[in-house]
Amino acid sequence: MGMCKDPVTQELNKRGYNLVKLPRVGIEPLDVLGRDGDSMEKLGSVTEVWTSSVAAPTAGAPAPAAGIGGQKTSDLDVGIGLKLLSNVLSGLGGGISLPSLNAAFKNSKKVQFEFVNVESTSVTPFALGKFLASGALDTSNPFVTHYFGNDETQEYIIFDVLKSDTITVTSKTESGGSVDADIGALSGALSANVKVKAGSTGNSELTFKSAVKATFAFKLFEVFFENGKWVPKGAAADDDLSFAAPVAGVAEASVVIKPGRMLKIAM
């Protein structure tokens, strides 16, 4: 979720996953990311620009991501935390206004997040390699020409994504103690796609569950297209590889969370 030195971020990075700064539906294996300067963009699926004699690999059935579900973030300042929560809920199809969230957590000073029901969906590198072994790249596409014909850009193919349909938010005091959130303030504010309920310990813990799963992390390979051949290269998890996939109607801003590090949030 884009939080520097956060326990969830550290665990994901240790396992080779990069973060989606605005978790959303629609980020899948075989998607291509392009980096041009400081900008990282989702360009589309490699199947849109690569015609192969081999059928594109199909992602395997979703599998539980052992060791990732149940990880909790650090305590976040409620102002930043609620902006992040608004982003996540937008990605889950439960768009809600920031004033509604502020009203629900009006007594909170800190919030803590936990992704629940985390699943991995992936294609194997061997299957991806077989698909890319022979075929033709659509060089008439101006975006293909710009990215794959440019030494100043980098290109990546996603092969594994982590998805979740549930996020739990714990409301806390400045010192880290529990404080109730006002679940009634959320009544009617969420879309029909997302439901909210109190936790077993009361209203200090609210669980938001969606009808869909949003992608919040991914693994990828850097790829080069040279002399008609694809050349893959391993890409370690790195904050610079995180990207903010746009959500309709959401504008981005940046907040400094550490010298030299920016956290993109929605306003």
C-alpha atoms as a PDB file:
ATOM      1  CA  MET A   1       0.000   0.000   0.000  1.00  0.00           C
ATOM      2  CA  GLY A   2       2.919   2.313  -0.583  1.00  0.00           C
ATOM      3  CA  MET A   3       4.015   2.720   3.046  1.00  0.00           C
ATOM      4  CA  CYS A   4       7.743   3.043   3.602  1.00  0.00           C
ATOM      5  CA  LYS A   5       9.242   0.486   6.037  1.00  0.00           C
ATOM      6  CA  ASP A   6       5.772  -0.841   6.798  1.00  0.00           C
ATOM      7  CA  PRO A   7       5.502  -4.498   7.954  1.00  0.00           C
ATOM      8  CA  VAL A   8       3.163  -5.412   5.081  1.00  0.00           C
ATOM      9  CA  THR A   9       5.382  -3.654   2.533  1.00  0.00           C
ATOM     10  CA  GLN A  10       8.473  -5.366   3.920  1.00  0.00           C
ATOM     11  CA  GLU A  11       6.837  -8.798   3.801  1.00  0.00           C
ATOM     12  CA  LEU A  12       5.623  -8.301   0.234  1.00  0.00           C
ATOM     13  CA  ASN A  13       8.971  -6.983  -0.971  1.00  0.00           C
ATOM     14  CA  LYS A  14      10.764  -9.885   0.726  1.00  0.00           C
ATOM     15  CA  ARG A  15       8.577 -12.226  -1.326  1.00  0.00           C
ATOM     16  CA  GLY A  16       9.328 -10.322  -4.539  1.00  0.00           C
ATOM     17  CA  TYR A  17       6.047  -8.398  -4.814  1.00  0.00           C
ATOM     18  CA  ASN A  18       5.672  -4.744  -5.780  1.00  0.00           C
ATOM     19  CA  LEU A  19       2.756  -2.637  -4.598  1.00  0.00           C
ATOM     20  CA  VAL A  20      -0.114  -1.080  -6.507  1.00  0.00           C
ATOM     21  CA  LYS A  21      -0.472   2.356  -4.964  1.00  0.00           C
ATOM     22  CA  LEU A  22      -4.125   2.539  -5.947  1.00  0.00           C
ATOM     23  CA  PRO A  23      -5.393  -1.065  -5.631  1.00  0.00           C
ATOM     24  CA  ARG A  24      -7.995  -1.833  -8.298  1.00  0.00           C
ATOM     25  CA  VAL A  25      -9.688  -4.496 -10.371  1.00  0.00           C
ATOM     26  CA  GLY A  26      -8.180  -5.167 -13.800  1.00  0.00           C
ATOM     27  CA  ILE A  27      -4.462  -5.647 -13.153  1.00  0.00           C
ATOM     28  CA  GLU A  28      -3.685  -9.168 -14.337  1.00  0.00           C
ATOM     29  CA  PRO A  29      -0.872 -11.516 -15.398  1.00  0.00           C
ATOM     30  CA  LEU A  30       0.416 -10.702 -18.925  1.00  0.00           C
ATOM     31  CA  ASP A  31      -0.159  -6.967 -18.402  1.00  0.00           C
ATOM     32  CA  VAL A  32       2.702  -4.780 -19.648  1.00  0.00           C
ATOM     33  CA  LEU A  33       4.042  -1.845 -17.642  1.00  0.00           C
ATOM     34  CA  GLY A  34       6.119   0.869 -19.265  1.00  0.00           C
ATOM     35  CA  ARG A  35       8.385   3.307 -17.471  1.00  0.00           C
ATOM     36  CA  ASP A  36       9.262   6.575 -19.168  1.00  0.00           C
ATOM     37  CA  GLY A  37      11.283   8.777 -16.834  1.00  0.00           C
ATOM     38  CA  ASP A  38       9.477   8.948 -13.497  1.00  0.00           C
ATOM     39  CA  SER A  39       6.173   7.740 -14.952  1.00  0.00           C
ATOM     40  CA  MET A  40       5.081   4.097 -14.684  1.00  0.00           C
ATOM     41  CA  GLU A  41       2.007   3.199 -16.730  1.00  0.00           C
ATOM     42  CA  LYS A  42      -0.038   0.105 -17.449  1.00  0.00           C
ATOM     43  CA  LEU A  43       0.065  -0.160 -21.264  1.00  0.00           C
ATOM     44  CA  GLY A  44      -2.254  -3.143 -21.700  1.00  0.00           C
ATOM     45  CA  SER A  45      -1.837  -6.889 -22.174  1.00  0.00           C
ATOM     46  CA  VAL A  46       1.072  -8.280 -24.176  1.00  0.00           C
ATOM     47  CA  THR A  47      -1.527 -10.284 -26.124  1.00  0.00           C
ATOM     48  CA  GLU A  48      -2.716  -7.008 -27.697  1.00  0.00           C
ATOM     49  CA  VAL A  49       0.590  -6.413 -29.470  1.00  0.00           C
ATOM     50  CA  TRP A  50       2.198  -9.883 -29.785  1.00  0.00           C
ATOM     51  CA  THR A  51       0.882 -12.455 -32.258  1.00  0.00           C
ATOM     52  CA  SER A  52       2.263 -15.895 -31.442  1.00  0.00           C
ATOM     53  CA  SER A  53       1.928 -19.342 -32.958  1.00  0.00           C
ATOM     54  CA  VAL A  54       1.368 -20.525 -29.374  1.00  0.00           C
ATOM     55  CA  ALA A  55      -1.798 -19.746 -27.429  1.00  0.00           C
ATOM     56  CA  ALA A  56      -1.407 -17.182 -24.650  1.00  0.00           C
ATOM     57  CA  PRO A  57      -0.992 -18.849 -21.249  1.00  0.00           C
ATOM     58  CA  THR A  58      -4.025 -18.930 -19.008  1.00  0.00           C
ATOM     59  CA  ALA A  59      -3.606 -17.899 -15.399  1.00  0.00           C
ATOM     60  CA  GLY A  60      -3.967 -20.762 -12.957  1.00  0.00           C
ATOM     61  CA  ALA A  61      -6.748 -20.990 -10.407  1.00  0.00           C
ATOM     62  CA  PRO A  62      -6.412 -18.482  -7.542  1.00  0.00           C
ATOM     63  CA  ALA A  63      -4.430 -19.919  -4.638  1.00  0.00           C
ATOM     64  CA  PRO A  64      -4.213 -18.705  -1.018  1.00  0.00           C
ATOM     65  CA  ALA A  65      -1.150 -16.526  -0.478  1.00  0.00           C
ATOM     66  CA  ALA A  66       0.278 -18.153   2.625  1.00  0.00           C
ATOM     67  CA  GLY A  67       1.993 -15.811   5.052  1.00  0.00           C
ATOM     68  CA  ILE A  68       0.636 -12.612   3.536  1.00  0.00           C
ATOM     69  CA  GLY A  69      -2.955 -12.595   4.726  1.00  0.00           C
ATOM     70  CA  GLY A  70      -3.103 -11.501   8.340  1.00  0.00           C
ATOM     71  CA  GLN A  71      -0.156  -9.114   8.044  1.00  0.00           C
ATOM     72  CA  LYS A  72      -0.983  -5.712   9.535  1.00  0.00           C
ATOM     73  CA  THR A  73       0.359  -2.321   8.589  1.00  0.00           C
ATOM     74  CA  SER A  74       1.976   0.122  10.960  1.00  0.00           C
ATOM     75  CA  ASP A  75      -0.270   2.635  12.711  1.00  0.00           C
ATOM     76  CA  LEU A  76      -0.858   5.458  10.238  1.00  0.00           C
ATOM     77  CA  ASP A  77      -1.874   9.039  10.883  1.00  0.00           C
ATOM     78  CA  VAL A  78      -5.633   9.087  10.376  1.00  0.00           C
ATOM     79  CA  GLY A  79      -5.461  11.790   7.678  1.00  0.00           C
ATOM     80  CA  ILE A  80      -3.159   9.788   5.410  1.00  0.00           C
ATOM     81  CA  GLY A  81      -4.755   6.490   6.396  1.00  0.00           C
ATOM     82  CA  LEU A  82      -8.279   7.525   5.401  1.00  0.00           C
ATOM     83  CA  LYS A  83      -7.081   8.794   2.024  1.00  0.00           C
ATOM     84  CA  LEU A  84      -5.479   5.394   1.464  1.00  0.00           C
ATOM     85  CA  LEU A  85      -8.678   3.661   2.602  1.00  0.00           C
ATOM     86  CA  SER A  86     -10.703   5.782   0.183  1.00  0.00           C
ATOM     87  CA  ASN A  87      -8.386   4.646  -2.639  1.00  0.00           C
ATOM     88  CA  VAL A  88      -8.689   0.979  -1.685  1.00  0.00           C
ATOM     89  CA  LEU A  89     -12.477   1.146  -1.438  1.00  0.00           C
ATOM     90  CA  SER A  90     -12.650   2.865  -4.836  1.00  0.00           C
ATOM     91  CA  GLY A  91     -10.608   0.015  -6.290  1.00  0.00           C
ATOM     92  CA  LEU A  92     -12.974  -2.494  -4.686  1.00  0.00           C
ATOM     93  CA  GLY A  93     -15.958  -0.796  -6.291  1.00  0.00           C
ATOM     94  CA  GLY A  94     -17.192   0.806  -3.094  1.00  0.00           C
ATOM     95  CA  GLY A  95     -16.429   4.450  -3.761  1.00  0.00           C
ATOM     96  CA  ILE A  96     -17.064   6.611  -0.708  1.00  0.00           C
ATOM     97  CA  SER A  97     -16.461  10.266  -0.042  1.00  0.00           C
ATOM     98  CA  LEU A  98     -13.633  11.300   2.251  1.00  0.00           C
ATOM     99  CA  PRO A  99     -16.023  13.396   4.417  1.00  0.00           C
ATOM    100  CA  SER A 100     -18.033  10.221   5.135  1.00  0.00           C
ATOM    101  CA  LEU A 101     -14.891   8.388   6.230  1.00  0.00           C
ATOM    102  CA  ASN A 102     -13.786  11.383   8.316  1.00  0.00           C
ATOM    103  CA  ALA A 103     -17.162  11.345  10.074  1.00  0.00           C
ATOM    104  CA  ALA A 104     -16.922   7.625  10.770  1.00  0.00           C
ATOM    105  CA  PHE A 105     -13.404   7.930  12.220  1.00  0.00           C
ATOM    106  CA  LYS A 106     -13.814  11.352  13.846  1.00  0.00           C
ATOM    107  CA  ASN A 107     -12.463  10.102  17.173  1.00  0.00           C
ATOM    108  CA  SER A 108      -9.496   8.289  15.628  1.00  0.00           C
ATOM    109  CA  LYS A 109      -5.925   9.540  15.633  1.00  0.00           C
ATOM    110  CA  LYS A 110      -4.350   6.458  14.032  1.00  0.00           C
ATOM    111  CA  VAL A 111      -5.604   3.636  11.798  1.00  0.00           C
ATOM    112  CA  GLN A 112      -4.153   0.229  10.977  1.00  0.00           C
ATOM    113  CA  PHE A 113      -4.965  -1.907   7.909  1.00  0.00           C
ATOM    114  CA  GLU A 114      -5.035  -5.626   7.228  1.00  0.00           C
ATOM    115  CA  PHE A 115      -5.765  -7.302   3.874  1.00  0.00           C
ATOM    116  CA  VAL A 116      -7.837 -10.478   4.317  1.00  0.00           C
ATOM    117  CA  ASN A 117      -8.667 -13.359   1.907  1.00  0.00           C
ATOM    118  CA  VAL A 118      -5.475 -12.766  -0.056  1.00  0.00           C
ATOM    119  CA  GLU A 119      -5.066 -14.900  -3.202  1.00  0.00           C
ATOM    120  CA  SER A 120      -2.356 -15.254  -5.828  1.00  0.00           C
ATOM    121  CA  THR A 121      -3.148 -15.576  -9.539  1.00  0.00           C
ATOM    122  CA  SER A 122      -0.250 -16.268 -11.897  1.00  0.00           C
ATOM    123  CA  VAL A 123       1.171 -17.712 -15.086  1.00  0.00           C
ATOM    124  CA  THR A 124       4.449 -19.615 -14.909  1.00  0.00           C
ATOM    125  CA  PRO A 125       7.577 -18.077 -16.432  1.00  0.00           C
ATOM    126  CA  PHE A 126       7.948 -21.211 -18.599  1.00  0.00           C
ATOM    127  CA  ALA A 127       4.433 -20.790 -20.027  1.00  0.00           C
ATOM    128  CA  LEU A 128       5.058 -17.089 -20.632  1.00  0.00           C
ATOM    129  CA  GLY A 129       8.379 -17.883 -22.320  1.00  0.00           C
ATOM    130  CA  LYS A 130       6.762 -20.465 -24.593  1.00  0.00           C
ATOM    131  CA  PHE A 131       4.211 -17.865 -25.725  1.00  0.00           C
ATOM    132  CA  LEU A 132       6.938 -15.294 -26.418  1.00  0.00           C
ATOM    133  CA  ALA A 133       9.324 -17.733 -28.121  1.00  0.00           C
ATOM    134  CA  SER A 134       8.004 -17.089 -31.640  1.00  0.00           C
ATOM    135  CA  GLY A 135       5.658 -14.563 -33.163  1.00  0.00           C
ATOM    136  CA  ALA A 136       5.431 -10.955 -34.316  1.00  0.00           C
ATOM    137  CA  LEU A 137       5.328  -7.636 -32.487  1.00  0.00           C
ATOM    138  CA  ASP A 138       2.925  -4.979 -33.769  1.00  0.00           C
ATOM    139  CA  THR A 139       5.477  -2.280 -34.539  1.00  0.00           C
ATOM    140  CA  SER A 140       2.798  -0.195 -36.273  1.00  0.00           C
ATOM    141  CA  ASN A 141       1.460   0.638 -32.808  1.00  0.00           C
ATOM    142  CA  PRO A 142       2.977   4.008 -31.763  1.00  0.00           C
ATOM    143  CA  PHE A 143       3.141   2.987 -28.114  1.00  0.00           C
ATOM    144  CA  VAL A 144       5.069  -0.175 -29.043  1.00  0.00           C
ATOM    145  CA  THR A 145       7.469   1.954 -31.090  1.00  0.00           C
ATOM    146  CA  HIS A 146       7.924   4.462 -28.289  1.00  0.00           C
ATOM    147  CA  TYR A 147       8.565   1.957 -25.531  1.00  0.00           C
ATOM    148  CA  PHE A 148      10.176  -1.038 -27.214  1.00  0.00           C
ATOM    149  CA  GLY A 149      12.192   1.074 -29.621  1.00  0.00           C
ATOM    150  CA  ASN A 150      13.567   3.480 -27.036  1.00  0.00           C
ATOM    151  CA  ASP A 151      16.701   3.026 -24.923  1.00  0.00           C
ATOM    152  CA  GLU A 152      15.371   5.602 -22.454  1.00  0.00           C
ATOM    153  CA  THR A 153      12.366   3.508 -21.390  1.00  0.00           C
ATOM    154  CA  GLN A 154      11.883   0.222 -19.516  1.00  0.00           C
ATOM    155  CA  GLU A 155       9.224  -2.425 -20.111  1.00  0.00           C
ATOM    156  CA  TYR A 156       7.918  -5.128 -17.766  1.00  0.00           C
ATOM    157  CA  ILE A 157       5.487  -8.049 -17.962  1.00  0.00           C
ATOM    158  CA  ILE A 158       3.456  -8.994 -14.878  1.00  0.00           C
ATOM    159  CA  PHE A 159       3.239 -12.729 -14.214  1.00  0.00           C
ATOM    160  CA  ASP A 160       1.798 -12.933 -10.680  1.00  0.00           C
ATOM    161  CA  VAL A 161      -0.726 -10.751  -8.835  1.00  0.00           C
ATOM    162  CA  LEU A 162      -2.094 -10.663  -5.295  1.00  0.00           C
ATOM    163  CA  LYS A 163      -5.782  -9.898  -4.842  1.00  0.00           C
ATOM    164  CA  SER A 164      -8.068  -9.319  -1.884  1.00  0.00           C
ATOM    165  CA  ASP A 165     -11.759  -8.574  -1.462  1.00  0.00           C
ATOM    166  CA  THR A 166     -11.596  -7.634   2.218  1.00  0.00           C
ATOM    167  CA  ILE A 167      -9.779  -5.017   4.255  1.00  0.00           C
ATOM    168  CA  THR A 168     -10.010  -4.580   8.032  1.00  0.00           C
ATOM    169  CA  VAL A 169      -9.426  -1.151   9.562  1.00  0.00           C
ATOM    170  CA  THR A 170      -8.625  -0.727  13.245  1.00  0.00           C
ATOM    171  CA  SER A 171      -9.346   2.649  14.818  1.00  0.00           C
ATOM    172  CA  LYS A 172      -6.834   3.834  17.421  1.00  0.00           C
ATOM    173  CA  THR A 173      -5.954   6.649  19.777  1.00  0.00           C
ATOM    174  CA  GLU A 174      -2.730   8.622  19.518  1.00  0.00           C
ATOM    175  CA  SER A 175      -1.072   6.200  21.950  1.00  0.00           C
ATOM    176  CA  GLY A 176      -2.288   3.111  20.067  1.00  0.00           C
ATOM    177  CA  GLY A 177      -5.271   2.171  22.191  1.00  0.00           C
ATOM    178  CA  SER A 178      -8.586   1.140  20.647  1.00  0.00           C
ATOM    179  CA  VAL A 179     -11.301   3.702  19.991  1.00  0.00           C
ATOM    180  CA  ASP A 180     -14.718   3.093  18.437  1.00  0.00           C
ATOM    181  CA  ALA A 181     -15.478   4.214  14.912  1.00  0.00           C
ATOM    182  CA  ASP A 182     -18.978   5.405  14.027  1.00  0.00           C
ATOM    183  CA  ILE A 183     -20.211   2.635  11.728  1.00  0.00           C
ATOM    184  CA  GLY A 184     -23.561   4.420  11.466  1.00  0.00           C
ATOM    185  CA  ALA A 185     -21.888   7.303   9.607  1.00  0.00           C
ATOM    186  CA  LEU A 186     -21.129   4.856   6.783  1.00  0.00           C
ATOM    187  CA  SER A 187     -24.750   3.796   6.388  1.00  0.00           C
ATOM    188  CA  GLY A 188     -25.790   4.588   2.817  1.00  0.00           C
ATOM    189  CA  ALA A 189     -22.377   6.078   1.991  1.00  0.00           C
ATOM    190  CA  LEU A 190     -20.876   2.909   0.495  1.00  0.00           C
ATOM    191  CA  SER A 191     -21.959   1.516  -2.859  1.00  0.00           C
ATOM    192  CA  ALA A 192     -23.874  -1.767  -2.960  1.00  0.00           C
ATOM    193  CA  ASN A 193     -20.633  -3.530  -3.982  1.00  0.00           C
ATOM    194  CA  VAL A 194     -19.046  -3.197  -0.535  1.00  0.00           C
ATOM    195  CA  LYS A 195     -20.448  -4.146   2.868  1.00  0.00           C
ATOM    196  CA  VAL A 196     -19.087  -3.052   6.235  1.00  0.00           C
ATOM    197  CA  LYS A 197     -19.448  -4.760   9.611  1.00  0.00           C
ATOM    198  CA  ALA A 198     -17.994  -4.391  13.086  1.00  0.00           C
ATOM    199  CA  GLY A 199     -15.378  -6.832  14.312  1.00  0.00           C
ATOM    200  CA  SER A 200     -15.634  -9.281  17.178  1.00  0.00           C
ATOM    201  CA  THR A 201     -14.100  -6.705  19.521  1.00  0.00           C
ATOM    202  CA  GLY A 202     -16.639  -4.012  18.607  1.00  0.00           C
ATOM    203  CA  ASN A 203     -16.668  -0.871  16.453  1.00  0.00           C
ATOM    204  CA  SER A 204     -12.953  -0.204  16.907  1.00  0.00           C
ATOM    205  CA  GLU A 205     -12.434  -2.762  14.116  1.00  0.00           C
ATOM    206  CA  LEU A 206     -14.404  -2.395  10.876  1.00  0.00           C
ATOM    207  CA  THR A 207     -14.238  -4.902   8.036  1.00  0.00           C
ATOM    208  CA  PHE A 208     -15.045  -3.837   4.478  1.00  0.00           C
ATOM    209  CA  LYS A 209     -15.876  -6.706   2.106  1.00  0.00           C
ATOM    210  CA  SER A 210     -16.393  -6.359  -1.645  1.00  0.00           C
ATOM    211  CA  ALA A 211     -18.119  -8.532  -4.226  1.00  0.00           C
ATOM    212  CA  VAL A 212     -14.892  -8.421  -6.278  1.00  0.00           C
ATOM    213  CA  LYS A 213     -11.175  -8.839  -5.611  1.00  0.00           C
ATOM    214  CA  ALA A 214      -8.816  -5.947  -6.291  1.00  0.00           C
ATOM    215  CA  THR A 215      -5.132  -6.355  -7.157  1.00  0.00           C
ATOM    216  CA  PHE A 216      -2.788  -4.728  -4.642  1.00  0.00           C
ATOM    217  CA  ALA A 217       0.609  -6.306  -5.471  1.00  0.00           C
ATOM    218  CA  PHE A 218       2.393  -7.994  -8.372  1.00  0.00           C
ATOM    219  CA  LYS A 219       5.568  -9.723  -9.567  1.00  0.00           C
ATOM    220  CA  LEU A 220       7.111  -8.976 -12.942  1.00  0.00           C
ATOM    221  CA  PHE A 221      10.003  -9.478 -15.335  1.00  0.00           C
ATOM    222  CA  GLU A 222      11.777  -6.674 -17.125  1.00  0.00           C
ATOM    223  CA  VAL A 223      11.742  -7.526 -20.844  1.00  0.00           C
ATOM    224  CA  PHE A 224      13.706  -6.381 -23.873  1.00  0.00           C
ATOM    225  CA  PHE A 225      12.734  -6.949 -27.503  1.00  0.00           C
ATOM    226  CA  GLU A 226      15.997  -7.196 -29.454  1.00  0.00           C
ATOM    227  CA  ASN A 227      16.597  -8.559 -32.962  1.00  0.00           C
ATOM    228  CA  GLY A 228      13.116 -10.036 -33.047  1.00  0.00           C
ATOM    229  CA  LYS A 229      13.551 -11.908 -29.751  1.00  0.00           C
ATOM    230  CA  TRP A 230      12.302 -11.359 -26.218  1.00  0.00           C
ATOM    231  CA  VAL A 231      14.946 -11.221 -23.513  1.00  0.00           C
ATOM    232  CA  PRO A 232      13.642 -11.462 -19.923  1.00  0.00           C
ATOM    233  CA  LYS A 233      15.500 -10.116 -16.922  1.00  0.00           C
ATOM    234  CA  GLY A 234      14.637 -10.576 -13.260  1.00  0.00           C
ATOM    235  CA  ALA A 235      13.364  -7.461 -11.506  1.00  0.00           C
ATOM    236  CA  ALA A 236      13.620  -7.335  -7.720  1.00  0.00           C
ATOM    237  CA  ALA A 237      10.829  -5.679  -5.752  1.00  0.00           C
ATOM    238  CA  ASP A 238      11.434  -1.942  -5.661  1.00  0.00           C
ATOM    239  CA  ASP A 239       9.350   1.065  -4.635  1.00  0.00           C
ATOM    240  CA  ASP A 240      10.191   2.614  -8.024  1.00  0.00           C
ATOM    241  CA  LEU A 241       8.301  -0.255  -9.701  1.00  0.00           C
ATOM    242  CA  SER A 242       5.112   0.469  -7.794  1.00  0.00           C
ATOM    243  CA  PHE A 243       2.605   2.348  -9.834  1.00  0.00           C
ATOM    244  CA  ALA A 244      -0.668   4.161  -9.345  1.00  0.00           C
ATOM    245  CA  ALA A 245      -3.237   2.769 -11.752  1.00  0.00           C
ATOM    246  CA  PRO A 246      -5.852   5.514 -12.212  1.00  0.00           C
ATOM    247  CA  VAL A 247      -9.306   5.262 -10.719  1.00  0.00           C
ATOM    248  CA  ALA A 248     -12.013   7.201 -12.544  1.00  0.00           C
ATOM    249  CA  GLY A 249     -12.671  10.577 -10.979  1.00  0.00           C
ATOM    250  CA  VAL A 250      -9.733  10.368  -8.546  1.00  0.00           C
ATOM    251  CA  ALA A 251      -6.919  12.911  -8.705  1.00  0.00           C
ATOM    252  CA  GLU A 252      -3.490  12.207  -7.273  1.00  0.00           C
ATOM    253  CA  ALA A 253      -1.382  14.255  -4.934  1.00  0.00           C
ATOM    254  CA  SER A 254       1.930  13.467  -3.259  1.00  0.00           C
ATOM    255  CA  VAL A 255       2.911  13.535   0.392  1.00  0.00           C
ATOM    256  CA  VAL A 256       6.482  13.300   1.648  1.00  0.00           C
ATOM    257  CA  ILE A 257       6.740  10.383   4.099  1.00  0.00           C
ATOM    258  CA  LYS A 258      10.518  10.245   4.207  1.00  0.00           C
ATOM    259  CA  PRO A 259      13.223  12.437   2.635  1.00  0.00           C
ATOM    260  CA  GLY A 260      13.513  11.361  -0.981  1.00  0.00           C
ATOM    261  CA  ARG A 261      10.330   9.220  -0.841  1.00  0.00           C
ATOM    262  CA  MET A 262       6.872  10.256  -2.015  1.00  0.00           C
ATOM    263  CA  LEU A 263       3.589   8.522  -1.326  1.00  0.00           C
ATOM    264  CA  LYS A 264       0.926   9.068  -3.990  1.00  0.00           C
ATOM    265  CA  ILE A 265      -2.528   9.502  -2.532  1.00  0.00           C
ATOM    266  CA  ALA A 266      -5.890  10.595  -3.899  1.00  0.00           C
ATOM    267  CA  MET A 267      -7.567  13.855  -3.051  1.00  0.00           C
END
